[in-house]
PDB file of N, CA and C in Angstrom:
ATOM      1  N   UNK A   1       0.820  -1.190   0.000  1.00  0.00           N
ATOM      2  CA  UNK A   1       0.000   0.000   0.000  1.00  0.00           C
ATOM      3  C   UNK A   1       0.870   1.262   0.000  1.00  0.00           C
ATOM      4  N   UNK A   2       1.865   1.301   0.881  1.00  0.00           N
ATOM      5  CA  UNK A   2       2.736   2.469   0.947  1.00  0.00           C
ATOM      6  C   UNK A   2       3.519   2.642  -0.351  1.00  0.00           C
ATOM      7  N   UNK A   3       3.962   1.524  -0.929  1.00  0.00           N
ATOM      8  CA  UNK A   3       4.728   1.586  -2.173  1.00  0.00           C
ATOM      9  C   UNK A   3       3.866   2.168  -3.291  1.00  0.00           C
ATOM     10  N   UNK A   4       2.619   1.751  -3.365  1.00  0.00           N
ATOM     11  CA  UNK A   4       1.723   2.252  -4.401  1.00  0.00           C
ATOM     12  C   UNK A   4       1.472   3.750  -4.221  1.00  0.00           C
ATOM     13  N   UNK A   5       1.325   4.192  -2.993  1.00  0.00           N
ATOM     14  CA  UNK A   5       1.125   5.612  -2.719  1.00  0.00           C
ATOM     15  C   UNK A   5       2.357   6.416  -3.119  1.00  0.00           C
ATOM     16  N   UNK A   6       3.528   5.921  -2.771  1.00  0.00           N
ATOM     17  CA  UNK A   6       4.773   6.607  -3.121  1.00  0.00           C
ATOM     18  C   UNK A   6       4.935   6.679  -4.639  1.00  0.00           C
ATOM     19  N   UNK A   7       4.658   5.583  -5.330  1.00  0.00           N
ATOM     20  CA  UNK A   7       4.757   5.577  -6.791  1.00  0.00           C
ATOM     21  C   UNK A   7       3.769   6.548  -7.422  1.00  0.00           C
ATOM     22  N   UNK A   8       2.568   6.616  -6.887  1.00  0.00           N
ATOM     23  CA  UNK A   8       1.563   7.545  -7.409  1.00  0.00           C
ATOM     24  C   UNK A   8       2.003   8.990  -7.221  1.00  0.00           C
ATOM     25  N   UNK A   9       2.525   9.298  -6.047  1.00  0.00           N
ATOM     26  CA  UNK A   9       3.001  10.656  -5.783  1.00  0.00           C
ATOM     27  C   UNK A   9       4.199  11.007  -6.649  1.00  0.00           C
ATOM     28  N   UNK A  10       5.087  10.047  -6.876  1.00  0.00           N
ATOM     29  CA  UNK A  10       6.246  10.277  -7.738  1.00  0.00           C
ATOM     30  C   UNK A  10       5.801  10.557  -9.167  1.00  0.00           C
ATOM     31  N   UNK A  11       4.857   9.784  -9.660  1.00  0.00           N
ATOM     32  CA  UNK A  11       4.340   9.993 -11.016  1.00  0.00           C
ATOM     33  C   UNK A  11       3.663  11.354 -11.132  1.00  0.00           C
ATOM     34  N   UNK A  12       2.900  11.739 -10.129  1.00  0.00           N
ATOM     35  CA  UNK A  12       2.235  13.034 -10.132  1.00  0.00           C
ATOM     36  C   UNK A  12       3.255  14.165 -10.127  1.00  0.00           C
ATOM     37  N   UNK A  13       4.293  14.042  -9.323  1.00  0.00           N
ATOM     38  CA  UNK A  13       5.344  15.062  -9.276  1.00  0.00           C
ATOM     39  C   UNK A  13       6.051  15.176 -10.619  1.00  0.00           C
ATOM     40  N   UNK A  14       6.304  14.058 -11.260  1.00  0.00           N
ATOM     41  CA  UNK A  14       6.972  14.072 -12.567  1.00  0.00           C
ATOM     42  C   UNK A  14       6.107  14.763 -13.610  1.00  0.00           C
ATOM     43  N   UNK A  15       4.812  14.509 -13.582  1.00  0.00           N
ATOM     44  CA  UNK A  15       3.920  15.131 -14.551  1.00  0.00           C
ATOM     45  C   UNK A  15       3.796  16.631 -14.338  1.00  0.00           C
ATOM     46  N   UNK A  16       3.772  17.074 -13.101  1.00  0.00           N
ATOM     47  CA  UNK A  16       3.646  18.504 -12.843  1.00  0.00           C
ATOM     48  C   UNK A  16       4.935  19.246 -13.143  1.00  0.00           C
ATOM     49  N   UNK A  17       6.063  18.548 -13.204  1.00  0.00           N
ATOM     50  CA  UNK A  17       7.337  19.188 -13.530  1.00  0.00           C
ATOM     51  C   UNK A  17       7.471  19.453 -15.021  1.00  0.00           C
ATOM     52  N   UNK A  18       6.689  18.773 -15.845  1.00  0.00           N
ATOM     53  CA  UNK A  18       6.760  18.952 -17.290  1.00  0.00           C
ATOM     54  C   UNK A  18       6.183  20.316 -17.663  1.00  0.00           C
ATOM     55  N   UNK A  19       6.894  21.016 -18.520  1.00  0.00           N
ATOM     56  CA  UNK A  19       6.445  22.335 -18.958  1.00  0.00           C
ATOM     57  C   UNK A  19       5.904  22.242 -20.375  1.00  0.00           C
ATOM     58  N   UNK A  20       4.893  23.050 -20.667  1.00  0.00           N
ATOM     59  CA  UNK A  20       4.381  23.096 -22.029  1.00  0.00           C
ATOM     60  C   UNK A  20       4.727  24.445 -22.659  1.00  0.00           C
ATOM     61  N   UNK A  21       4.380  24.608 -23.927  1.00  0.00           N
ATOM     62  CA  UNK A  21       4.738  25.822 -24.665  1.00  0.00           C
ATOM     63  C   UNK A  21       4.168  27.061 -23.991  1.00  0.00           C
ATOM     64  N   UNK A  22       2.903  27.008 -23.590  1.00  0.00           N
ATOM     65  CA  UNK A  22       2.278  28.175 -22.960  1.00  0.00           C
ATOM     66  C   UNK A  22       2.982  28.549 -21.658  1.00  0.00           C
ATOM     67  N   UNK A  23       3.332  27.552 -20.841  1.00  0.00           N
ATOM     68  CA  UNK A  23       4.039  27.821 -19.586  1.00  0.00           C
ATOM     69  C   UNK A  23       5.323  28.601 -19.841  1.00  0.00           C
ATOM     70  N   UNK A  24       6.104  28.138 -20.795  1.00  0.00           N
ATOM     71  CA  UNK A  24       7.400  28.765 -21.074  1.00  0.00           C
ATOM     72  C   UNK A  24       7.206  30.112 -21.759  1.00  0.00           C
ATOM     73  N   UNK A  25       6.293  30.192 -22.717  1.00  0.00           N
ATOM     74  CA  UNK A  25       6.050  31.443 -23.439  1.00  0.00           C
ATOM     75  C   UNK A  25       5.602  32.551 -22.489  1.00  0.00           C
ATOM     76  N   UNK A  26       4.855  32.199 -21.450  1.00  0.00           N
ATOM     77  CA  UNK A  26       4.336  33.189 -20.506  1.00  0.00           C
ATOM     78  C   UNK A  26       5.384  33.696 -19.515  1.00  0.00           C
ATOM     79  N   UNK A  27       6.549  33.083 -19.482  1.00  0.00           N
ATOM     80  CA  UNK A  27       7.621  33.549 -18.591  1.00  0.00           C
ATOM     81  C   UNK A  27       8.242  34.825 -19.152  1.00  0.00           C
ATOM     82  N   UNK A  28       8.913  35.578 -18.287  1.00  0.00           N
ATOM     83  CA  UNK A  28       9.619  36.769 -18.755  1.00  0.00           C
ATOM     84  C   UNK A  28      10.679  36.356 -19.765  1.00  0.00           C
ATOM     85  N   UNK A  29      10.817  37.119 -20.856  1.00  0.00           N
ATOM     86  CA  UNK A  29      11.807  36.737 -21.865  1.00  0.00           C
ATOM     87  C   UNK A  29      13.240  36.915 -21.365  1.00  0.00           C
ATOM     88  N   UNK A  30      14.114  36.013 -21.810  1.00  0.00           N
ATOM     89  CA  UNK A  30      15.545  36.154 -21.523  1.00  0.00           C
ATOM     90  C   UNK A  30      16.215  36.940 -22.643  1.00  0.00           C
ATOM     91  N   UNK A  31      15.489  37.105 -23.762  1.00  0.00           N
ATOM     92  CA  UNK A  31      15.978  37.886 -24.896  1.00  0.00           C
ATOM     93  C   UNK A  31      14.775  38.476 -25.612  1.00  0.00           C
ATOM     94  N   UNK A  32      14.920  39.734 -26.028  1.00  0.00           N
ATOM     95  CA  UNK A  32      13.860  40.417 -26.752  1.00  0.00           C
ATOM     96  C   UNK A  32      14.514  41.340 -27.762  1.00  0.00           C
ATOM     97  N   UNK A  33      13.963  41.416 -28.964  1.00  0.00           N
ATOM     98  CA  UNK A  33      14.543  42.310 -29.951  1.00  0.00           C
ATOM     99  C   UNK A  33      13.614  42.566 -31.118  1.00  0.00           C
ATOM    100  N   UNK A  34      14.039  43.488 -31.983  1.00  0.00           N
ATOM    101  CA  UNK A  34      13.301  43.821 -33.196  1.00  0.00           C
ATOM    102  C   UNK A  34      14.286  43.828 -34.357  1.00  0.00           C
ATOM    103  N   UNK A  35      13.801  43.493 -35.539  1.00  0.00           N
ATOM    104  CA  UNK A  35      14.666  43.402 -36.704  1.00  0.00           C
ATOM    105  C   UNK A  35      13.954  43.924 -37.943  1.00  0.00           C
ATOM    106  N   UNK A  36      14.750  44.292 -38.956  1.00  0.00           N
ATOM    107  CA  UNK A  36      14.206  44.713 -40.240  1.00  0.00           C
ATOM    108  C   UNK A  36      13.842  43.509 -41.111  1.00  0.00           C
ATOM    109  N   UNK A  37      14.347  42.327 -40.739  1.00  0.00           N
ATOM    110  CA  UNK A  37      14.057  41.108 -41.502  1.00  0.00           C
ATOM    111  C   UNK A  37      12.584  40.736 -41.363  1.00  0.00           C
ATOM    112  N   UNK A  38      12.132  39.901 -42.284  1.00  0.00           N
ATOM    113  CA  UNK A  38      10.781  39.353 -42.132  1.00  0.00           C
ATOM    114  C   UNK A  38      10.823  38.305 -41.021  1.00  0.00           C
ATOM    115  N   UNK A  39       9.667  37.976 -40.490  1.00  0.00           N
ATOM    116  CA  UNK A  39       9.606  36.959 -39.429  1.00  0.00           C
ATOM    117  C   UNK A  39      10.141  35.628 -39.945  1.00  0.00           C
ATOM    118  N   UNK A  40       9.846  35.299 -41.191  1.00  0.00           N
ATOM    119  CA  UNK A  40      10.306  34.034 -41.754  1.00  0.00           C
ATOM    120  C   UNK A  40      11.826  34.016 -41.928  1.00  0.00           C
ATOM    121  N   UNK A  41      12.402  35.098 -42.452  1.00  0.00           N
ATOM    122  CA  UNK A  41      13.862  35.160 -42.622  1.00  0.00           C
ATOM    123  C   UNK A  41      14.585  35.065 -41.285  1.00  0.00           C
ATOM    124  N   UNK A  42      14.098  35.798 -40.302  1.00  0.00           N
ATOM    125  CA  UNK A  42      14.733  35.776 -38.986  1.00  0.00           C
ATOM    126  C   UNK A  42      14.635  34.380 -38.363  1.00  0.00           C
ATOM    127  N   UNK A  43      13.450  33.785 -38.422  1.00  0.00           N
ATOM    128  CA  UNK A  43      13.257  32.446 -37.856  1.00  0.00           C
ATOM    129  C   UNK A  43      14.149  31.430 -38.558  1.00  0.00           C
ATOM    130  N   UNK A  44      14.263  31.536 -39.881  1.00  0.00           N
ATOM    131  CA  UNK A  44      15.144  30.629 -40.635  1.00  0.00           C
ATOM    132  C   UNK A  44      16.596  30.777 -40.201  1.00  0.00           C
ATOM    133  N   UNK A  45      17.037  32.007 -39.970  1.00  0.00           N
ATOM    134  CA  UNK A  45      18.417  32.262 -39.535  1.00  0.00           C
ATOM    135  C   UNK A  45      18.687  31.609 -38.180  1.00  0.00           C
ATOM    136  N   UNK A  46      17.802  31.831 -37.223  1.00  0.00           N
ATOM    137  CA  UNK A  46      17.979  31.248 -35.890  1.00  0.00           C
ATOM    138  C   UNK A  46      17.895  29.724 -35.967  1.00  0.00           C
ATOM    139  N   UNK A  47      16.950  29.213 -36.745  1.00  0.00           N
ATOM    140  CA  UNK A  47      16.790  27.758 -36.876  1.00  0.00           C
ATOM    141  C   UNK A  47      18.063  27.120 -37.431  1.00  0.00           C
ATOM    142  N   UNK A  48      18.661  27.734 -38.432  1.00  0.00           N
ATOM    143  CA  UNK A  48      19.895  27.196 -39.013  1.00  0.00           C
ATOM    144  C   UNK A  48      21.033  27.215 -37.991  1.00  0.00           C
ATOM    145  N   UNK A  49      21.132  28.297 -37.228  1.00  0.00           N
ATOM    146  CA  UNK A  49      22.178  28.392 -36.196  1.00  0.00           C
ATOM    147  C   UNK A  49      21.977  27.343 -35.109  1.00  0.00           C
ATOM    148  N   UNK A  50      20.750  27.200 -34.633  1.00  0.00           N
ATOM    149  CA  UNK A  50      20.463  26.190 -33.608  1.00  0.00           C
ATOM    150  C   UNK A  50      20.765  24.794 -34.127  1.00  0.00           C
ATOM    151  N   UNK A  51      20.397  24.547 -35.382  1.00  0.00           N
ATOM    152  CA  UNK A  51      20.656  23.232 -35.983  1.00  0.00           C
ATOM    153  C   UNK A  51      22.159  22.952 -36.012  1.00  0.00           C
ATOM    154  N   UNK A  52      22.957  23.952 -36.390  1.00  0.00           N
ATOM    155  CA  UNK A  52      24.416  23.797 -36.435  1.00  0.00           C
ATOM    156  C   UNK A  52      25.019  23.577 -35.048  1.00  0.00           C
ATOM    157  N   UNK A  53      24.338  24.040 -34.011  1.00  0.00           N
ATOM    158  CA  UNK A  53      24.797  23.841 -32.631  1.00  0.00           C
ATOM    159  C   UNK A  53      24.312  22.510 -32.054  1.00  0.00           C
ATOM    160  N   UNK A  54      23.523  21.782 -32.827  1.00  0.00           N
ATOM    161  CA  UNK A  54      23.011  20.495 -32.354  1.00  0.00           C
ATOM    162  C   UNK A  54      21.798  20.605 -31.455  1.00  0.00           C
ATOM    163  N   UNK A  55      21.127  21.738 -31.493  1.00  0.00           N
ATOM    164  CA  UNK A  55      19.938  21.942 -30.669  1.00  0.00           C
ATOM    165  C   UNK A  55      18.732  21.378 -31.414  1.00  0.00           C
ATOM    166  N   UNK A  56      18.003  20.499 -30.766  1.00  0.00           N
ATOM    167  CA  UNK A  56      16.797  19.920 -31.364  1.00  0.00           C
ATOM    168  C   UNK A  56      15.613  20.828 -31.079  1.00  0.00           C
ATOM    169  N   UNK A  57      14.843  21.128 -32.109  1.00  0.00           N
ATOM    170  CA  UNK A  57      13.703  22.023 -31.954  1.00  0.00           C
ATOM    171  C   UNK A  57      12.640  21.673 -32.979  1.00  0.00           C
ATOM    172  N   UNK A  58      11.480  22.257 -32.768  1.00  0.00           N
ATOM    173  CA  UNK A  58      10.355  22.094 -33.685  1.00  0.00           C
ATOM    174  C   UNK A  58       9.921  23.488 -34.117  1.00  0.00           C
ATOM    175  N   UNK A  59       9.597  23.641 -35.384  1.00  0.00           N
ATOM    176  CA  UNK A  59       9.145  24.932 -35.905  1.00  0.00           C
ATOM    177  C   UNK A  59       7.638  24.866 -36.115  1.00  0.00           C
ATOM    178  N   UNK A  60       6.951  25.908 -35.640  1.00  0.00           N
ATOM    179  CA  UNK A  60       5.496  25.976 -35.814  1.00  0.00           C
ATOM    180  C   UNK A  60       5.116  27.356 -36.327  1.00  0.00           C
ATOM    181  N   UNK A  61       4.074  27.381 -37.127  1.00  0.00           N
ATOM    182  CA  UNK A  61       3.524  28.648 -37.596  1.00  0.00           C
ATOM    183  C   UNK A  61       2.518  29.140 -36.558  1.00  0.00           C
ATOM    184  N   UNK A  62       2.624  30.420 -36.208  1.00  0.00           N
ATOM    185  CA  UNK A  62       1.672  31.052 -35.295  1.00  0.00           C
ATOM    186  C   UNK A  62       1.101  32.272 -36.008  1.00  0.00           C
ATOM    187  N   UNK A  63       0.121  32.883 -35.415  1.00  0.00           N
ATOM    188  CA  UNK A  63      -0.486  34.065 -36.019  1.00  0.00           C
ATOM    189  C   UNK A  63       0.578  35.138 -36.241  1.00  0.00           C
ATOM    190  N   UNK A  64       0.712  35.591 -37.466  1.00  0.00           N
ATOM    191  CA  UNK A  64       1.658  36.638 -37.867  1.00  0.00           C
ATOM    192  C   UNK A  64       3.121  36.257 -37.702  1.00  0.00           C
ATOM    193  N   UNK A  65       3.440  34.968 -37.595  1.00  0.00           N
ATOM    194  CA  UNK A  65       4.851  34.620 -37.448  1.00  0.00           C
ATOM    195  C   UNK A  65       5.114  33.148 -37.229  1.00  0.00           C
ATOM    196  N   UNK A  66       6.173  32.896 -36.451  1.00  0.00           N
ATOM    197  CA  UNK A  66       6.653  31.534 -36.250  1.00  0.00           C
ATOM    198  C   UNK A  66       7.169  31.348 -34.826  1.00  0.00           C
ATOM    199  N   UNK A  67       7.222  30.091 -34.405  1.00  0.00           N
ATOM    200  CA  UNK A  67       7.833  29.734 -33.125  1.00  0.00           C
ATOM    201  C   UNK A  67       8.824  28.608 -33.343  1.00  0.00           C
ATOM    202  N   UNK A  68       9.936  28.688 -32.623  1.00  0.00           N
ATOM    203  CA  UNK A  68      10.876  27.584 -32.522  1.00  0.00           C
ATOM    204  C   UNK A  68      10.752  27.070 -31.099  1.00  0.00           C
ATOM    205  N   UNK A  69      10.470  25.781 -30.957  1.00  0.00           N
ATOM    206  CA  UNK A  69      10.225  25.178 -29.649  1.00  0.00           C
ATOM    207  C   UNK A  69      11.280  24.122 -29.392  1.00  0.00           C
ATOM    208  N   UNK A  70      12.059  24.321 -28.341  1.00  0.00           N
ATOM    209  CA  UNK A  70      13.108  23.368 -27.978  1.00  0.00           C
ATOM    210  C   UNK A  70      12.632  22.619 -26.749  1.00  0.00           C
ATOM    211  N   UNK A  71      12.619  21.279 -26.837  1.00  0.00           N
ATOM    212  CA  UNK A  71      12.153  20.496 -25.695  1.00  0.00           C
ATOM    213  C   UNK A  71      13.028  19.282 -25.455  1.00  0.00           C
ATOM    214  N   UNK A  72      12.915  18.762 -24.226  1.00  0.00           N
ATOM    215  CA  UNK A  72      13.639  17.547 -23.857  1.00  0.00           C
ATOM    216  C   UNK A  72      12.679  16.630 -23.108  1.00  0.00           C
ATOM    217  N   UNK A  73      13.204  15.679 -22.394  1.00  0.00           N
ATOM    218  CA  UNK A  73      12.357  14.692 -21.722  1.00  0.00           C
ATOM    219  C   UNK A  73      11.464  15.286 -20.634  1.00  0.00           C
ATOM    220  N   UNK A  74      11.811  16.446 -20.110  1.00  0.00           N
ATOM    221  CA  UNK A  74      10.995  17.082 -19.076  1.00  0.00           C
ATOM    222  C   UNK A  74      10.017  18.102 -19.637  1.00  0.00           C
ATOM    223  N   UNK A  75       9.951  18.204 -20.938  1.00  0.00           N
ATOM    224  CA  UNK A  75       9.021  19.142 -21.550  1.00  0.00           C
ATOM    225  C   UNK A  75       9.745  20.240 -22.295  1.00  0.00           C
ATOM    226  N   UNK A  76       9.052  21.334 -22.488  1.00  0.00           N
ATOM    227  CA  UNK A  76       9.571  22.453 -23.267  1.00  0.00           C
ATOM    228  C   UNK A  76      10.640  23.189 -22.471  1.00  0.00           C
ATOM    229  N   UNK A  77      11.787  23.395 -23.095  1.00  0.00           N
ATOM    230  CA  UNK A  77      12.905  24.123 -22.483  1.00  0.00           C
ATOM    231  C   UNK A  77      12.889  25.595 -22.873  1.00  0.00           C
ATOM    232  N   UNK A  78      12.607  25.880 -24.166  1.00  0.00           N
ATOM    233  CA  UNK A  78      12.676  27.253 -24.657  1.00  0.00           C
ATOM    234  C   UNK A  78      11.685  27.455 -25.791  1.00  0.00           C
ATOM    235  N   UNK A  79      11.193  28.698 -25.905  1.00  0.00           N
ATOM    236  CA  UNK A  79      10.289  29.072 -26.990  1.00  0.00           C
ATOM    237  C   UNK A  79      10.745  30.420 -27.536  1.00  0.00           C
ATOM    238  N   UNK A  80      11.064  30.442 -28.833  1.00  0.00           N
ATOM    239  CA  UNK A  80      11.391  31.681 -29.535  1.00  0.00           C
ATOM    240  C   UNK A  80      10.189  32.021 -30.405  1.00  0.00           C
ATOM    241  N   UNK A  81       9.543  33.137 -30.126  1.00  0.00           N
ATOM    242  CA  UNK A  81       8.373  33.568 -30.885  1.00  0.00           C
ATOM    243  C   UNK A  81       8.737  34.814 -31.671  1.00  0.00           C
ATOM    244  N   UNK A  82       8.525  34.768 -32.986  1.00  0.00           N
ATOM    245  CA  UNK A  82       8.825  35.899 -33.862  1.00  0.00           C
ATOM    246  C   UNK A  82       7.564  36.252 -34.630  1.00  0.00           C
ATOM    247  N   UNK A  83       7.141  37.512 -34.522  1.00  0.00           N
ATOM    248  CA  UNK A  83       5.924  37.948 -35.199  1.00  0.00           C
ATOM    249  C   UNK A  83       6.170  39.238 -35.965  1.00  0.00           C
ATOM    250  N   UNK A  84       5.394  39.427 -37.011  1.00  0.00           N
ATOM    251  CA  UNK A  84       5.458  40.648 -37.822  1.00  0.00           C
ATOM    252  C   UNK A  84       4.103  41.335 -37.721  1.00  0.00           C
ATOM    253  N   UNK A  85       4.126  42.592 -37.304  1.00  0.00           N
ATOM    254  CA  UNK A  85       2.882  43.324 -37.117  1.00  0.00           C
ATOM    255  C   UNK A  85       3.121  44.794 -37.393  1.00  0.00           C
ATOM    256  N   UNK A  86       2.306  45.364 -38.260  1.00  0.00           N
ATOM    257  CA  UNK A  86       2.383  46.782 -38.612  1.00  0.00           C
ATOM    258  C   UNK A  86       3.789  47.187 -39.046  1.00  0.00           C
ATOM    259  N   UNK A  87       4.382  46.397 -39.928  1.00  0.00           N
ATOM    260  CA  UNK A  87       5.687  46.724 -40.490  1.00  0.00           C
ATOM    261  C   UNK A  87       6.870  46.474 -39.576  1.00  0.00           C
ATOM    262  N   UNK A  88       6.646  45.830 -38.455  1.00  0.00           N
ATOM    263  CA  UNK A  88       7.718  45.607 -37.486  1.00  0.00           C
ATOM    264  C   UNK A  88       7.800  44.121 -37.138  1.00  0.00           C
ATOM    265  N   UNK A  89       9.024  43.576 -37.117  1.00  0.00           N
ATOM    266  CA  UNK A  89       9.231  42.189 -36.721  1.00  0.00           C
ATOM    267  C   UNK A  89       9.853  42.175 -35.334  1.00  0.00           C
ATOM    268  N   UNK A  90       9.191  41.523 -34.404  1.00  0.00           N
ATOM    269  CA  UNK A  90       9.680  41.430 -33.031  1.00  0.00           C
ATOM    270  C   UNK A  90       9.870  39.976 -32.654  1.00  0.00           C
ATOM    271  N   UNK A  91      10.850  39.738 -31.797  1.00  0.00           N
ATOM    272  CA  UNK A  91      11.111  38.383 -31.337  1.00  0.00           C
ATOM    273  C   UNK A  91      11.315  38.378 -29.834  1.00  0.00           C
ATOM    274  N   UNK A  92      10.932  37.287 -29.220  1.00  0.00           N
ATOM    275  CA  UNK A  92      11.159  37.119 -27.784  1.00  0.00           C
ATOM    276  C   UNK A  92      11.465  35.658 -27.516  1.00  0.00           C
ATOM    277  N   UNK A  93      12.419  35.448 -26.638  1.00  0.00           N
ATOM    278  CA  UNK A  93      12.859  34.103 -26.284  1.00  0.00           C
ATOM    279  C   UNK A  93      12.659  33.912 -24.791  1.00  0.00           C
ATOM    280  N   UNK A  94      11.886  32.911 -24.444  1.00  0.00           N
ATOM    281  CA  UNK A  94      11.661  32.574 -23.038  1.00  0.00           C
ATOM    282  C   UNK A  94      12.152  31.157 -22.797  1.00  0.00           C
ATOM    283  N   UNK A  95      12.732  30.934 -21.614  1.00  0.00           N
ATOM    284  CA  UNK A  95      13.248  29.607 -21.284  1.00  0.00           C
ATOM    285  C   UNK A  95      12.703  29.157 -19.939  1.00  0.00           C
ATOM    286  N   UNK A  96      12.684  27.846 -19.758  1.00  0.00           N
ATOM    287  CA  UNK A  96      12.223  27.269 -18.493  1.00  0.00           C
ATOM    288  C   UNK A  96      13.352  27.242 -17.479  1.00  0.00           C
ATOM    289  N   UNK A  97      14.549  26.881 -17.927  1.00  0.00           N
ATOM    290  CA  UNK A  97      15.711  26.761 -17.049  1.00  0.00           C
ATOM    291  C   UNK A  97      16.843  27.610 -17.622  1.00  0.00           C
ATOM    292  N   UNK A  98      17.542  28.315 -16.768  1.00  0.00           N
ATOM    293  CA  UNK A  98      18.578  29.244 -17.223  1.00  0.00           C
ATOM    294  C   UNK A  98      19.878  28.580 -17.657  1.00  0.00           C
ATOM    295  N   UNK A  99      20.009  27.285 -17.533  1.00  0.00           N
ATOM    296  CA  UNK A  99      21.301  26.645 -17.781  1.00  0.00           C
ATOM    297  C   UNK A  99      21.795  26.758 -19.216  1.00  0.00           C
ATOM    298  N   UNK A 100      20.896  26.840 -20.202  1.00  0.00           N
ATOM    299  CA  UNK A 100      21.328  26.885 -21.594  1.00  0.00           C
ATOM    300  C   UNK A 100      21.033  28.220 -22.245  1.00  0.00           C
ATOM    301  N   UNK A 101      20.663  29.194 -21.476  1.00  0.00           N
ATOM    302  CA  UNK A 101      20.262  30.472 -22.052  1.00  0.00           C
ATOM    303  C   UNK A 101      21.265  31.022 -23.053  1.00  0.00           C
ATOM    304  N   UNK A 102      22.523  31.174 -22.668  1.00  0.00           N
ATOM    305  CA  UNK A 102      23.516  31.807 -23.524  1.00  0.00           C
ATOM    306  C   UNK A 102      23.688  31.073 -24.840  1.00  0.00           C
ATOM    307  N   UNK A 103      23.630  29.762 -24.811  1.00  0.00           N
ATOM    308  CA  UNK A 103      23.808  28.964 -26.027  1.00  0.00           C
ATOM    309  C   UNK A 103      22.751  29.290 -27.068  1.00  0.00           C
ATOM    310  N   UNK A 104      21.525  29.525 -26.636  1.00  0.00           N
ATOM    311  CA  UNK A 104      20.461  29.796 -27.594  1.00  0.00           C
ATOM    312  C   UNK A 104      20.194  31.287 -27.791  1.00  0.00           C
ATOM    313  N   UNK A 105      20.641  32.124 -26.863  1.00  0.00           N
ATOM    314  CA  UNK A 105      20.463  33.571 -27.005  1.00  0.00           C
ATOM    315  C   UNK A 105      21.400  34.137 -28.066  1.00  0.00           C
ATOM    316  N   UNK A 106      22.635  33.682 -28.081  1.00  0.00           N
ATOM    317  CA  UNK A 106      23.625  34.245 -29.004  1.00  0.00           C
ATOM    318  C   UNK A 106      23.167  34.193 -30.461  1.00  0.00           C
ATOM    319  N   UNK A 107      22.704  33.041 -30.973  1.00  0.00           N
ATOM    320  CA  UNK A 107      22.219  33.036 -32.357  1.00  0.00           C
ATOM    321  C   UNK A 107      21.015  33.965 -32.562  1.00  0.00           C
ATOM    322  N   UNK A 108      20.131  34.038 -31.568  1.00  0.00           N
ATOM    323  CA  UNK A 108      18.968  34.919 -31.682  1.00  0.00           C
ATOM    324  C   UNK A 108      19.408  36.374 -31.814  1.00  0.00           C
ATOM    325  N   UNK A 109      20.447  36.750 -31.091  1.00  0.00           N
ATOM    326  CA  UNK A 109      20.973  38.110 -31.150  1.00  0.00           C
ATOM    327  C   UNK A 109      21.708  38.365 -32.467  1.00  0.00           C
ATOM    328  N   UNK A 110      22.548  37.425 -32.889  1.00  0.00           N
ATOM    329  CA  UNK A 110      23.335  37.609 -34.110  1.00  0.00           C
ATOM    330  C   UNK A 110      22.468  37.663 -35.365  1.00  0.00           C
ATOM    331  N   UNK A 111      21.317  37.037 -35.340  1.00  0.00           N
ATOM    332  CA  UNK A 111      20.439  37.029 -36.516  1.00  0.00           C
ATOM    333  C   UNK A 111      19.625  38.316 -36.662  1.00  0.00           C
ATOM    334  N   UNK A 112      19.617  39.164 -35.638  1.00  0.00           N
ATOM    335  CA  UNK A 112      18.870  40.416 -35.746  1.00  0.00           C
ATOM    336  C   UNK A 112      19.406  41.235 -36.889  1.00  0.00           C
TER     337      UNK A 112
END
């Protein structure tokens, strides 16, 4: 009985530790910027840089732009959202854990 309770609590704790895209996107950004590039060009630049660094990510189309979503076994690690609105392209990068911030921020900054 005690073992089953402990296993249930462990499973529940593991599930609540998983982060989703909305959780990470709603966090304060670790990087924010604006560029003259289109949202697609900027996203392609960052995606190519991340790919060359061996970072696994998924690209999704969102309203007026794109998102690059980097995740691991515990869920979403980082979300880069780039949108174009009223002639301006803005990007913001939010992360769940600060350990890899610099690795993914640098390409986001250089592609501006």
